[in-house]
C-alpha atoms as a PDB file:
ATOM      1  CA  MET A   1    -185.572 -70.079-212.765  1.00  0.00           C
ATOM      2  CA  PHE A   2    -182.069 -69.082-211.672  1.00  0.00           C
ATOM      3  CA  ASP A   3    -178.905 -71.151-211.940  1.00  0.00           C
ATOM      4  CA  VAL A   4    -177.812 -72.184-208.450  1.00  0.00           C
ATOM      5  CA  ARG A   5    -174.171 -71.992-209.565  1.00  0.00           C
ATOM      6  CA  ASP A   6    -174.540 -68.251-209.986  1.00  0.00           C
ATOM      7  CA  ARG A   7    -175.883 -67.958-206.445  1.00  0.00           C
ATOM      8  CA  VAL A   8    -173.313 -70.023-204.503  1.00  0.00           C
ATOM      9  CA  PRO A   9    -171.869 -67.016-202.617  1.00  0.00           C
ATOM     10  CA  ALA A  10    -175.358 -65.672-201.794  1.00  0.00           C
ATOM     11  CA  LEU A  11    -176.611 -69.090-200.672  1.00  0.00           C
ATOM     12  CA  THR A  12    -173.458 -69.498-198.598  1.00  0.00           C
ATOM     13  CA  GLY A  13    -174.234 -66.189-196.908  1.00  0.00           C
ATOM     14  CA  VAL A  14    -177.871 -67.091-196.190  1.00  0.00           C
ATOM     15  CA  LEU A  15    -176.968 -70.521-194.766  1.00  0.00           C
ATOM     16  CA  THR A  16    -174.203 -68.962-192.677  1.00  0.00           C
ATOM     17  CA  VAL A  17    -176.461 -66.250-191.226  1.00  0.00           C
ATOM     18  CA  VAL A  18    -179.185 -68.770-190.349  1.00  0.00           C
ATOM     19  CA  SER A  19    -176.672 -71.180-188.776  1.00  0.00           C
ATOM     20  CA  LEU A  20    -174.919 -68.500-186.738  1.00  0.00           C
ATOM     21  CA  ALA A  21    -178.253 -67.026-185.620  1.00  0.00           C
ATOM     22  CA  LEU A  22    -179.224 -70.435-184.249  1.00  0.00           C
ATOM     23  CA  VAL A  23    -175.852 -70.918-182.549  1.00  0.00           C
ATOM     24  CA  PHE A  24    -175.692 -67.476-180.960  1.00  0.00           C
ATOM     25  CA  GLY A  25    -179.393 -67.572-180.142  1.00  0.00           C
ATOM     26  CA  ALA A  26    -178.887 -70.794-178.177  1.00  0.00           C
ATOM     27  CA  VAL A  27    -175.644 -69.729-176.496  1.00  0.00           C
ATOM     28  CA  LEU A  28    -176.976 -66.302-175.512  1.00  0.00           C
ATOM     29  CA  GLY A  29    -180.262 -67.719-174.215  1.00  0.00           C
ATOM     30  CA  ALA A  30    -182.499 -66.194-176.895  1.00  0.00           C
ATOM     31  CA  ILE A  31    -184.131 -69.558-177.556  1.00  0.00           C
ATOM     32  CA  PRO A  32    -186.533 -70.265-174.673  1.00  0.00           C
ATOM     33  CA  SER A  33    -185.779 -73.623-173.071  1.00  0.00           C
ATOM     34  CA  ALA A  34    -189.505 -74.089-172.403  1.00  0.00           C
ATOM     35  CA  ALA A  35    -190.058 -74.304-176.171  1.00  0.00           C
ATOM     36  CA  ILE A  36    -187.908 -77.448-176.392  1.00  0.00           C
ATOM     37  CA  PRO A  37    -188.832 -80.835-174.931  1.00  0.00           C
ATOM     38  CA  SER A  38    -186.387 -81.776-172.208  1.00  0.00           C
ATOM     39  CA  ALA A  39    -184.527 -85.071-172.151  1.00  0.00           C
ATOM     40  CA  PRO A  40    -183.695 -86.925-168.935  1.00  0.00           C
ATOM     41  CA  ASP A  41    -180.679 -85.612-167.023  1.00  0.00           C
ATOM     42  CA  ALA A  42    -178.641 -88.680-167.979  1.00  0.00           C
ATOM     43  CA  VAL A  43    -179.134 -87.920-171.680  1.00  0.00           C
ATOM     44  CA  LEU A  44    -178.193 -84.269-171.212  1.00  0.00           C
ATOM     45  CA  ALA A  45    -175.104 -85.318-169.246  1.00  0.00           C
ATOM     46  CA  ALA A  46    -174.086 -87.753-172.010  1.00  0.00           C
ATOM     47  CA  ILE A  47    -174.165 -85.151-174.800  1.00  0.00           C
ATOM     48  CA  PRO A  48    -170.671 -83.684-174.173  1.00  0.00           C
ATOM     49  CA  HIS A  49    -169.185 -87.188-174.225  1.00  0.00           C
ATOM     50  CA  ALA A  50    -171.089 -88.069-177.408  1.00  0.00           C
ATOM     51  CA  ASN A  51    -169.925 -84.819-178.991  1.00  0.00           C
ATOM     52  CA  ALA A  52    -166.295 -85.588-178.130  1.00  0.00           C
ATOM     53  CA  PHE A  53    -166.693 -88.948-179.853  1.00  0.00           C
ATOM     54  CA  ILE A  54    -168.371 -87.272-182.831  1.00  0.00           C
ATOM     55  CA  SER A  55    -165.506 -84.759-183.026  1.00  0.00           C
ATOM     56  CA  ALA A  56    -162.873 -87.503-182.982  1.00  0.00           C
ATOM     57  CA  THR A  57    -164.764 -89.391-185.668  1.00  0.00           C
ATOM     58  CA  ALA A  58    -165.022 -86.206-187.763  1.00  0.00           C
ATOM     59  CA  ILE A  59    -161.259 -85.713-187.505  1.00  0.00           C
ATOM     60  CA  GLY A  60    -160.859 -89.212-188.909  1.00  0.00           C
ATOM     61  CA  THR A  61    -163.280 -88.642-191.781  1.00  0.00           C
ATOM     62  CA  ILE A  62    -161.603 -85.345-192.697  1.00  0.00           C
ATOM     63  CA  VAL A  63    -158.134 -86.909-192.752  1.00  0.00           C
ATOM     64  CA  LEU A  64    -159.359 -89.878-194.780  1.00  0.00           C
ATOM     65  CA  GLY A  65    -161.264 -87.555-197.133  1.00  0.00           C
ATOM     66  CA  VAL A  66    -158.170 -85.453-197.774  1.00  0.00           C
ATOM     67  CA  ARG A  67    -156.158 -88.600-198.398  1.00  0.00           C
ATOM     68  CA  ALA A  68    -158.839 -89.902-200.786  1.00  0.00           C
ATOM     69  CA  ILE A  69    -158.797 -86.776-202.959  1.00  0.00           C
ATOM     70  CA  ARG A  70    -154.982 -86.749-203.006  1.00  0.00           C
ATOM     71  CA  ASP A  71    -155.181 -90.325-204.277  1.00  0.00           C
ATOM     72  CA  GLY A  72    -157.695 -89.239-206.921  1.00  0.00           C
ATOM     73  CA  ASN A  73    -160.603 -91.160-205.386  1.00  0.00           C
ATOM     74  CA  VAL A  74    -163.359 -88.573-205.821  1.00  0.00           C
ATOM     75  CA  THR A  75    -166.196 -90.923-204.839  1.00  0.00           C
ATOM     76  CA  ARG A  76    -164.559 -91.838-201.514  1.00  0.00           C
ATOM     77  CA  HIS A  77    -163.658 -88.184-200.904  1.00  0.00           C
ATOM     78  CA  ARG A  78    -167.260 -87.102-201.486  1.00  0.00           C
ATOM     79  CA  ARG A  79    -168.639 -89.780-199.154  1.00  0.00           C
ATOM     80  CA  LEU A  80    -166.177 -88.917-196.391  1.00  0.00           C
ATOM     81  CA  MET A  81    -166.760 -85.160-196.646  1.00  0.00           C
ATOM     82  CA  LEU A  82    -170.538 -85.670-196.592  1.00  0.00           C
ATOM     83  CA  ALA A  83    -170.072 -87.934-193.567  1.00  0.00           C
ATOM     84  CA  THR A  84    -168.021 -85.181-191.931  1.00  0.00           C
ATOM     85  CA  PHE A  85    -170.767 -82.663-192.603  1.00  0.00           C
ATOM     86  CA  ALA A  86    -173.364 -85.048-191.152  1.00  0.00           C
ATOM     87  CA  LEU A  87    -171.183 -85.513-188.057  1.00  0.00           C
ATOM     88  CA  PHE A  88    -170.788 -81.738-187.762  1.00  0.00           C
ATOM     89  CA  ALA A  89    -174.551 -81.213-188.078  1.00  0.00           C
ATOM     90  CA  THR A  90    -175.216 -83.902-185.460  1.00  0.00           C
ATOM     91  CA  PHE A  91    -172.645 -82.341-183.138  1.00  0.00           C
ATOM     92  CA  LEU A  92    -174.219 -78.922-183.611  1.00  0.00           C
ATOM     93  CA  VAL A  93    -177.796 -80.102-182.983  1.00  0.00           C
ATOM     94  CA  LEU A  94    -176.733 -81.931-179.806  1.00  0.00           C
ATOM     95  CA  TYR A  95    -174.635 -78.999-178.607  1.00  0.00           C
ATOM     96  CA  LEU A  96    -177.389 -76.435-179.240  1.00  0.00           C
ATOM     97  CA  TYR A  97    -179.991 -78.672-177.612  1.00  0.00           C
ATOM     98  CA  ARG A  98    -177.919 -79.056-174.445  1.00  0.00           C
ATOM     99  CA  VAL A  99    -176.823 -75.416-174.280  1.00  0.00           C
ATOM    100  CA  THR A 100    -180.413 -74.240-174.712  1.00  0.00           C
ATOM    101  CA  LEU A 101    -181.617 -76.444-171.859  1.00  0.00           C
ATOM    102  CA  VAL A 102    -178.624 -76.433-169.492  1.00  0.00           C
ATOM    103  CA  GLY A 103    -176.442 -73.504-170.534  1.00  0.00           C
ATOM    104  CA  PRO A 104    -172.697 -73.517-171.097  1.00  0.00           C
ATOM    105  CA  THR A 105    -170.491 -75.563-168.786  1.00  0.00           C
ATOM    106  CA  ASP A 106    -168.378 -73.527-166.363  1.00  0.00           C
ATOM    107  CA  PHE A 107    -164.661 -74.246-166.115  1.00  0.00           C
ATOM    108  CA  ALA A 108    -163.947 -75.813-162.720  1.00  0.00           C
ATOM    109  CA  GLY A 109    -160.154 -75.723-162.823  1.00  0.00           C
ATOM    110  CA  PRO A 110    -157.733 -73.184-161.366  1.00  0.00           C
ATOM    111  CA  ALA A 111    -158.266 -69.555-162.372  1.00  0.00           C
ATOM    112  CA  VAL A 112    -154.743 -69.256-163.810  1.00  0.00           C
ATOM    113  CA  VAL A 113    -155.368 -72.242-166.109  1.00  0.00           C
ATOM    114  CA  GLU A 114    -158.731 -70.812-167.072  1.00  0.00           C
ATOM    115  CA  SER A 115    -157.246 -67.420-167.956  1.00  0.00           C
ATOM    116  CA  TYR A 116    -154.088 -68.507-169.758  1.00  0.00           C
ATOM    117  CA  VAL A 117    -154.952 -71.907-171.234  1.00  0.00           C
ATOM    118  CA  TYR A 118    -158.673 -72.716-171.289  1.00  0.00           C
ATOM    119  CA  LEU A 119    -160.099 -69.382-172.457  1.00  0.00           C
ATOM    120  CA  PRO A 120    -157.514 -68.848-175.238  1.00  0.00           C
ATOM    121  CA  LEU A 121    -158.057 -72.414-176.497  1.00  0.00           C
ATOM    122  CA  LEU A 122    -161.826 -71.933-176.322  1.00  0.00           C
ATOM    123  CA  ALA A 123    -161.586 -68.615-178.173  1.00  0.00           C
ATOM    124  CA  VAL A 124    -159.557 -70.118-181.021  1.00  0.00           C
ATOM    125  CA  HIS A 125    -161.901 -73.130-181.159  1.00  0.00           C
ATOM    126  CA  ILE A 126    -164.977 -70.894-181.376  1.00  0.00           C
ATOM    127  CA  LEU A 127    -163.382 -68.517-183.879  1.00  0.00           C
ATOM    128  CA  LEU A 128    -162.384 -71.369-186.195  1.00  0.00           C
ATOM    129  CA  ALA A 129    -165.785 -73.035-185.833  1.00  0.00           C
ATOM    130  CA  VAL A 130    -167.542 -69.784-186.785  1.00  0.00           C
ATOM    131  CA  VAL A 131    -165.197 -69.022-189.692  1.00  0.00           C
ATOM    132  CA  ALA A 132    -165.365 -72.623-190.945  1.00  0.00           C
ATOM    133  CA  ILE A 133    -169.145 -72.515-191.350  1.00  0.00           C
ATOM    134  CA  PRO A 134    -169.226 -70.334-194.482  1.00  0.00           C
ATOM    135  CA  ALA A 135    -166.166 -72.105-195.917  1.00  0.00           C
ATOM    136  CA  VAL A 136    -167.840 -75.489-195.495  1.00  0.00           C
ATOM    137  CA  TYR A 137    -171.133 -74.308-196.995  1.00  0.00           C
ATOM    138  CA  TYR A 138    -169.291 -72.732-199.918  1.00  0.00           C
ATOM    139  CA  VAL A 139    -167.308 -75.896-200.668  1.00  0.00           C
ATOM    140  CA  LEU A 140    -170.384 -78.115-200.365  1.00  0.00           C
ATOM    141  CA  LEU A 141    -172.458 -75.856-202.602  1.00  0.00           C
ATOM    142  CA  LEU A 142    -169.722 -75.820-205.243  1.00  0.00           C
ATOM    143  CA  ALA A 143    -169.510 -79.614-205.092  1.00  0.00           C
ATOM    144  CA  ALA A 144    -173.282 -79.910-205.388  1.00  0.00           C
ATOM    145  CA  THR A 145    -173.642 -77.530-208.316  1.00  0.00           C
ATOM    146  CA  TYR A 146    -170.703 -78.423-210.565  1.00  0.00           C
ATOM    147  CA  PRO A 147    -169.871 -81.687-212.290  1.00  0.00           C
ATOM    148  CA  VAL A 148    -166.767 -83.379-210.872  1.00  0.00           C
ATOM    149  CA  ALA A 149    -164.854 -82.673-214.081  1.00  0.00           C
ATOM    150  CA  GLU A 150    -165.356 -78.909-213.615  1.00  0.00           C
ATOM    151  CA  LEU A 151    -164.660 -78.643-209.863  1.00  0.00           C
ATOM    152  CA  ALA A 152    -160.910 -78.255-210.309  1.00  0.00           C
ATOM    153  CA  GLN A 153    -161.553 -75.007-212.212  1.00  0.00           C
ATOM    154  CA  THR A 154    -163.579 -73.556-209.329  1.00  0.00           C
ATOM    155  CA  ASN A 155    -162.505 -72.394-205.874  1.00  0.00           C
ATOM    156  CA  HIS A 156    -163.478 -75.820-204.493  1.00  0.00           C
ATOM    157  CA  PRO A 157    -159.925 -77.233-204.143  1.00  0.00           C
ATOM    158  CA  ARG A 158    -158.493 -74.110-202.498  1.00  0.00           C
ATOM    159  CA  ALA A 159    -161.524 -73.412-200.302  1.00  0.00           C
ATOM    160  CA  GLY A 160    -161.737 -77.113-199.454  1.00  0.00           C
ATOM    161  CA  LYS A 161    -158.182 -77.112-198.101  1.00  0.00           C
ATOM    162  CA  LEU A 162    -158.995 -74.070-195.979  1.00  0.00           C
ATOM    163  CA  ALA A 163    -162.281 -75.537-194.721  1.00  0.00           C
ATOM    164  CA  ALA A 164    -160.672 -78.905-193.920  1.00  0.00           C
ATOM    165  CA  THR A 165    -157.819 -77.251-192.028  1.00  0.00           C
ATOM    166  CA  MET A 166    -160.154 -75.063-189.975  1.00  0.00           C
ATOM    167  CA  TRP A 167    -162.424 -78.025-189.259  1.00  0.00           C
ATOM    168  CA  LEU A 168    -159.490 -80.199-188.153  1.00  0.00           C
ATOM    169  CA  VAL A 169    -158.085 -77.587-185.799  1.00  0.00           C
ATOM    170  CA  SER A 170    -161.520 -76.635-184.443  1.00  0.00           C
ATOM    171  CA  PHE A 171    -162.555 -80.251-183.819  1.00  0.00           C
ATOM    172  CA  SER A 172    -159.168 -80.958-182.200  1.00  0.00           C
ATOM    173  CA  LEU A 173    -159.372 -77.926-179.909  1.00  0.00           C
ATOM    174  CA  GLY A 174    -162.962 -78.879-179.101  1.00  0.00           C
ATOM    175  CA  ILE A 175    -161.693 -82.212-177.799  1.00  0.00           C
ATOM    176  CA  VAL A 176    -159.065 -80.418-175.698  1.00  0.00           C
ATOM    177  CA  VAL A 177    -161.764 -78.111-174.288  1.00  0.00           C
ATOM    178  CA  TYR A 178    -163.947 -81.165-173.565  1.00  0.00           C
ATOM    179  CA  ALA A 179    -161.045 -82.866-171.757  1.00  0.00           C
ATOM    180  CA  MET A 180    -160.421 -79.769-169.648  1.00  0.00           C
ATOM    181  CA  LEU A 181    -164.102 -79.478-168.717  1.00  0.00           C
ATOM    182  CA  TYR A 182    -165.027 -83.120-168.159  1.00  0.00           C
ATOM    183  CA  LEU A 183    -161.895 -85.233-167.718  1.00  0.00           C
ATOM    184  CA  VAL A 184    -159.210 -83.109-166.064  1.00  0.00           C
ATOM    185  CA  TRP A 185    -161.307 -80.907-163.747  1.00  0.00           C
END
């Protein structure tokens, strides 16, 4: 049997590849919508609003989790970061479900706003979301495989700061993108 600690980078890579394959498969239409049971239109229409709420909640759990670890409360930090990961996973499942069945939402605002505001914000949001995935897996795998007393000697604190920052900015930009798609235009 192998020690999982020795395989954290490899496991991070495998989880990242599988996750990104699912995301890009759904976004690019590689997953056939006929293979997925369809929800009523009202449920599909509610998913972006639910995801905005999930994103706002995740921002709160990240901020509280960072505060908890700064205060030395490891148990609270762990609970909040696991809650953030659960929120992220829920967001992702809902997003992929809707995108597979309905496709991406088109921007309905002015072309100049789309070109110079919406698309750059969306690009940064997507880039950070994609880059955050391996960072989050890596941090979670380190936390799962090392005792709390040893975590400070691993890359967990440094990678955790990076993952939390990317998550915060990505979730925040996701809410801005949501507002531009569903509230402003």
